[in-house]
Amino acid sequence: VQLQASGGGLAQAGGSLRLSCAASGRPFNVIAMGWFRQAPGKEREFVAAISSGGISTYYADSVKGRFTISRDNGKNTATLQMNSLIPEDSALYYCAAGTYTARAMAQTGERGVDYWGKGTQVTVSS
């Protein structure tokens, strides 16, 4: 699976950004999709995941209520809508895909990921 993320950039605190991930190389509707992020000097952390059919979603506590993950299996894309951004959201965001479940991705973190996209930078100014 090849993953291509886009949509990062600069936003002010309280603002919004939308990240997209385009997937190719494997039937999209059988893989869980997710987003991770890594801030400077910190480990990469789980942000959100969505099941292959789009029914189940999982979020890190730090983004719950502010971020929304969705997918369009007809277009082979996954999206992360980020609202009410705070400076602590600044990080390199990675699109991820897993052949197990979205719950496994949420519970095990990177161990639940089989494929990674290149990161896209999100910077939130105060």
C-alpha atoms as a PDB file:
ATOM      1  CA  VAL A   1       0.000   0.000   0.000  1.00  0.00           C
ATOM      2  CA  GLN A   2       1.290   3.426  -0.926  1.00  0.00           C
ATOM      3  CA  LEU A   3       0.046   6.346   1.150  1.00  0.00           C
ATOM      4  CA  GLN A   4       0.266  10.004   0.207  1.00  0.00           C
ATOM      5  CA  ALA A   5      -0.662  12.576   2.811  1.00  0.00           C
ATOM      6  CA  SER A   6      -1.437  16.204   2.111  1.00  0.00           C
ATOM      7  CA  GLY A   7      -3.040  19.226   3.706  1.00  0.00           C
ATOM      8  CA  GLY A   8      -0.631  20.214   6.434  1.00  0.00           C
ATOM      9  CA  GLY A   9       0.335  23.801   7.026  1.00  0.00           C
ATOM     10  CA  LEU A  10       0.185  26.680   9.435  1.00  0.00           C
ATOM     11  CA  ALA A  11      -2.846  27.588  11.511  1.00  0.00           C
ATOM     12  CA  GLN A  12      -3.573  29.865  14.426  1.00  0.00           C
ATOM     13  CA  ALA A  13      -4.740  28.502  17.734  1.00  0.00           C
ATOM     14  CA  GLY A  14      -8.451  27.883  17.531  1.00  0.00           C
ATOM     15  CA  GLY A  15      -8.301  27.373  13.811  1.00  0.00           C
ATOM     16  CA  SER A  16      -8.767  24.333  11.612  1.00  0.00           C
ATOM     17  CA  LEU A  17      -6.820  22.215   9.172  1.00  0.00           C
ATOM     18  CA  ARG A  18      -7.793  19.218   7.103  1.00  0.00           C
ATOM     19  CA  LEU A  19      -5.401  16.396   6.278  1.00  0.00           C
ATOM     20  CA  SER A  20      -6.021  13.921   3.499  1.00  0.00           C
ATOM     21  CA  CYS A  21      -4.425  10.580   2.730  1.00  0.00           C
ATOM     22  CA  ALA A  22      -4.683   8.910  -0.664  1.00  0.00           C
ATOM     23  CA  ALA A  23      -4.049   5.172  -0.767  1.00  0.00           C
ATOM     24  CA  SER A  24      -3.165   2.872  -3.641  1.00  0.00           C
ATOM     25  CA  GLY A  25      -1.860  -0.617  -4.234  1.00  0.00           C
ATOM     26  CA  ARG A  26      -4.351  -2.688  -2.259  1.00  0.00           C
ATOM     27  CA  PRO A  27      -8.133  -2.835  -1.960  1.00  0.00           C
ATOM     28  CA  PHE A  28      -8.821   0.148   0.248  1.00  0.00           C
ATOM     29  CA  ASN A  29     -11.970  -1.139   1.882  1.00  0.00           C
ATOM     30  CA  VAL A  30     -10.168  -3.967   3.705  1.00  0.00           C
ATOM     31  CA  ILE A  31      -7.596  -1.938   5.577  1.00  0.00           C
ATOM     32  CA  ALA A  32      -7.882   0.171   8.689  1.00  0.00           C
ATOM     33  CA  MET A  33      -6.625   3.724   8.351  1.00  0.00           C
ATOM     34  CA  GLY A  34      -5.150   6.000  10.948  1.00  0.00           C
ATOM     35  CA  TRP A  35      -3.142   9.069  11.766  1.00  0.00           C
ATOM     36  CA  PHE A  36      -0.136   9.407  14.034  1.00  0.00           C
ATOM     37  CA  ARG A  37       1.952  12.430  14.905  1.00  0.00           C
ATOM     38  CA  GLN A  38       5.437  13.169  16.137  1.00  0.00           C
ATOM     39  CA  ALA A  39       6.506  16.411  17.751  1.00  0.00           C
ATOM     40  CA  PRO A  40      10.193  17.370  18.021  1.00  0.00           C
ATOM     41  CA  GLY A  41      11.905  15.420  20.767  1.00  0.00           C
ATOM     42  CA  LYS A  42       8.910  13.177  21.334  1.00  0.00           C
ATOM     43  CA  GLU A  43       7.913   9.699  20.251  1.00  0.00           C
ATOM     44  CA  ARG A  44       5.401   9.169  17.514  1.00  0.00           C
ATOM     45  CA  GLU A  45       1.928   8.857  19.004  1.00  0.00           C
ATOM     46  CA  PHE A  46      -1.454   7.600  17.920  1.00  0.00           C
ATOM     47  CA  VAL A  47      -4.016  10.254  16.969  1.00  0.00           C
ATOM     48  CA  ALA A  48      -7.005   8.572  15.334  1.00  0.00           C
ATOM     49  CA  ALA A  49      -8.074   5.430  13.494  1.00  0.00           C
ATOM     50  CA  ILE A  50     -11.062   4.302  11.450  1.00  0.00           C
ATOM     51  CA  SER A  51     -12.212   0.800  10.591  1.00  0.00           C
ATOM     52  CA  SER A  52     -12.158  -0.552   7.059  1.00  0.00           C
ATOM     53  CA  GLY A  53     -15.869   0.053   6.588  1.00  0.00           C
ATOM     54  CA  GLY A  54     -15.814   3.429   8.283  1.00  0.00           C
ATOM     55  CA  ILE A  55     -18.159   2.356  11.064  1.00  0.00           C
ATOM     56  CA  SER A  56     -15.819   2.502  14.046  1.00  0.00           C
ATOM     57  CA  THR A  57     -13.515   5.351  14.991  1.00  0.00           C
ATOM     58  CA  TYR A  58     -10.965   5.738  17.755  1.00  0.00           C
ATOM     59  CA  TYR A  59      -9.212   8.811  19.083  1.00  0.00           C
ATOM     60  CA  ALA A  60      -6.444   9.733  21.445  1.00  0.00           C
ATOM     61  CA  ASP A  61      -7.807  11.495  24.513  1.00  0.00           C
ATOM     62  CA  SER A  62      -5.843  14.611  23.600  1.00  0.00           C
ATOM     63  CA  VAL A  63      -7.790  15.132  20.370  1.00  0.00           C
ATOM     64  CA  LYS A  64     -11.177  13.672  21.228  1.00  0.00           C
ATOM     65  CA  GLY A  65     -13.950  16.145  20.475  1.00  0.00           C
ATOM     66  CA  ARG A  66     -11.695  18.282  18.288  1.00  0.00           C
ATOM     67  CA  PHE A  67     -10.522  15.934  15.534  1.00  0.00           C
ATOM     68  CA  THR A  68     -12.652  13.797  13.242  1.00  0.00           C
ATOM     69  CA  ILE A  69     -11.396  10.956  11.080  1.00  0.00           C
ATOM     70  CA  SER A  70     -13.379   9.795   8.079  1.00  0.00           C
ATOM     71  CA  ARG A  71     -12.860   7.829   4.894  1.00  0.00           C
ATOM     72  CA  ASP A  72     -14.279   7.558   1.408  1.00  0.00           C
ATOM     73  CA  ASN A  73     -13.787   4.014   0.151  1.00  0.00           C
ATOM     74  CA  GLY A  74     -14.968   5.015  -3.294  1.00  0.00           C
ATOM     75  CA  LYS A  75     -12.104   7.498  -3.584  1.00  0.00           C
ATOM     76  CA  ASN A  76      -9.521   5.541  -1.554  1.00  0.00           C
ATOM     77  CA  THR A  77      -8.992   8.454   0.773  1.00  0.00           C
ATOM     78  CA  ALA A  78      -8.948   9.050   4.509  1.00  0.00           C
ATOM     79  CA  THR A  79      -9.323  12.476   6.069  1.00  0.00           C
ATOM     80  CA  LEU A  80      -8.496  14.022   9.403  1.00  0.00           C
ATOM     81  CA  GLN A  81     -10.470  17.170  10.155  1.00  0.00           C
ATOM     82  CA  MET A  82      -8.729  19.104  12.917  1.00  0.00           C
ATOM     83  CA  ASN A  83     -10.672  21.839  14.701  1.00  0.00           C
ATOM     84  CA  SER A  84      -9.957  23.982  17.739  1.00  0.00           C
ATOM     85  CA  LEU A  85      -6.267  23.558  17.168  1.00  0.00           C
ATOM     86  CA  ILE A  86      -3.832  24.264  19.976  1.00  0.00           C
ATOM     87  CA  PRO A  87      -0.055  24.765  19.809  1.00  0.00           C
ATOM     88  CA  GLU A  88       0.425  21.295  21.303  1.00  0.00           C
ATOM     89  CA  ASP A  89      -1.031  19.856  18.103  1.00  0.00           C
ATOM     90  CA  SER A  90       2.052  21.024  16.194  1.00  0.00           C
ATOM     91  CA  ALA A  91       3.799  17.957  14.833  1.00  0.00           C
ATOM     92  CA  LEU A  92       4.631  15.922  11.794  1.00  0.00           C
ATOM     93  CA  TYR A  93       1.484  13.970  10.984  1.00  0.00           C
ATOM     94  CA  TYR A  94       1.686  10.525   9.411  1.00  0.00           C
ATOM     95  CA  CYS A  95      -0.983   8.636   7.557  1.00  0.00           C
ATOM     96  CA  ALA A  96      -1.024   4.938   8.445  1.00  0.00           C
ATOM     97  CA  ALA A  97      -2.713   1.769   7.239  1.00  0.00           C
ATOM     98  CA  GLY A  98      -3.099  -1.560   8.964  1.00  0.00           C
ATOM     99  CA  THR A  99      -4.261  -4.995   7.909  1.00  0.00           C
ATOM    100  CA  TYR A 100      -5.618  -5.680  11.359  1.00  0.00           C
ATOM    101  CA  THR A 101      -8.359  -3.638  12.967  1.00  0.00           C
ATOM    102  CA  ALA A 102      -8.620   0.039  13.767  1.00  0.00           C
ATOM    103  CA  ARG A 103      -9.034  -0.969  17.397  1.00  0.00           C
ATOM    104  CA  ALA A 104      -5.690  -2.774  17.228  1.00  0.00           C
ATOM    105  CA  MET A 105      -4.109   0.355  15.806  1.00  0.00           C
ATOM    106  CA  ALA A 106      -5.576   2.435  18.625  1.00  0.00           C
ATOM    107  CA  GLN A 107      -4.577  -0.031  21.334  1.00  0.00           C
ATOM    108  CA  THR A 108      -1.134  -1.061  20.123  1.00  0.00           C
ATOM    109  CA  GLY A 109       0.011   2.088  18.365  1.00  0.00           C
ATOM    110  CA  GLU A 110       2.730   1.574  15.792  1.00  0.00           C
ATOM    111  CA  ARG A 111       2.537  -2.211  16.161  1.00  0.00           C
ATOM    112  CA  GLY A 112      -0.888  -2.032  14.527  1.00  0.00           C
ATOM    113  CA  VAL A 113       0.493  -0.294  11.452  1.00  0.00           C
ATOM    114  CA  ASP A 114       1.722  -2.079   8.340  1.00  0.00           C
ATOM    115  CA  TYR A 115       2.168   0.883   6.021  1.00  0.00           C
ATOM    116  CA  TRP A 116       3.248   4.475   6.547  1.00  0.00           C
ATOM    117  CA  GLY A 117       2.974   7.562   4.451  1.00  0.00           C
ATOM    118  CA  LYS A 118       5.442  10.412   4.524  1.00  0.00           C
ATOM    119  CA  GLY A 119       4.684  12.993   7.153  1.00  0.00           C
ATOM    120  CA  THR A 120       2.986  16.302   6.595  1.00  0.00           C
ATOM    121  CA  GLN A 121       3.829  19.191   8.901  1.00  0.00           C
ATOM    122  CA  VAL A 122       1.188  20.899  11.031  1.00  0.00           C
ATOM    123  CA  THR A 123       2.190  24.042  12.903  1.00  0.00           C
ATOM    124  CA  VAL A 124      -0.183  25.858  15.236  1.00  0.00           C
ATOM    125  CA  SER A 125       0.760  29.305  16.413  1.00  0.00           C
ATOM    126  CA  SER A 126      -0.483  30.789  19.662  1.00  0.00           C
END
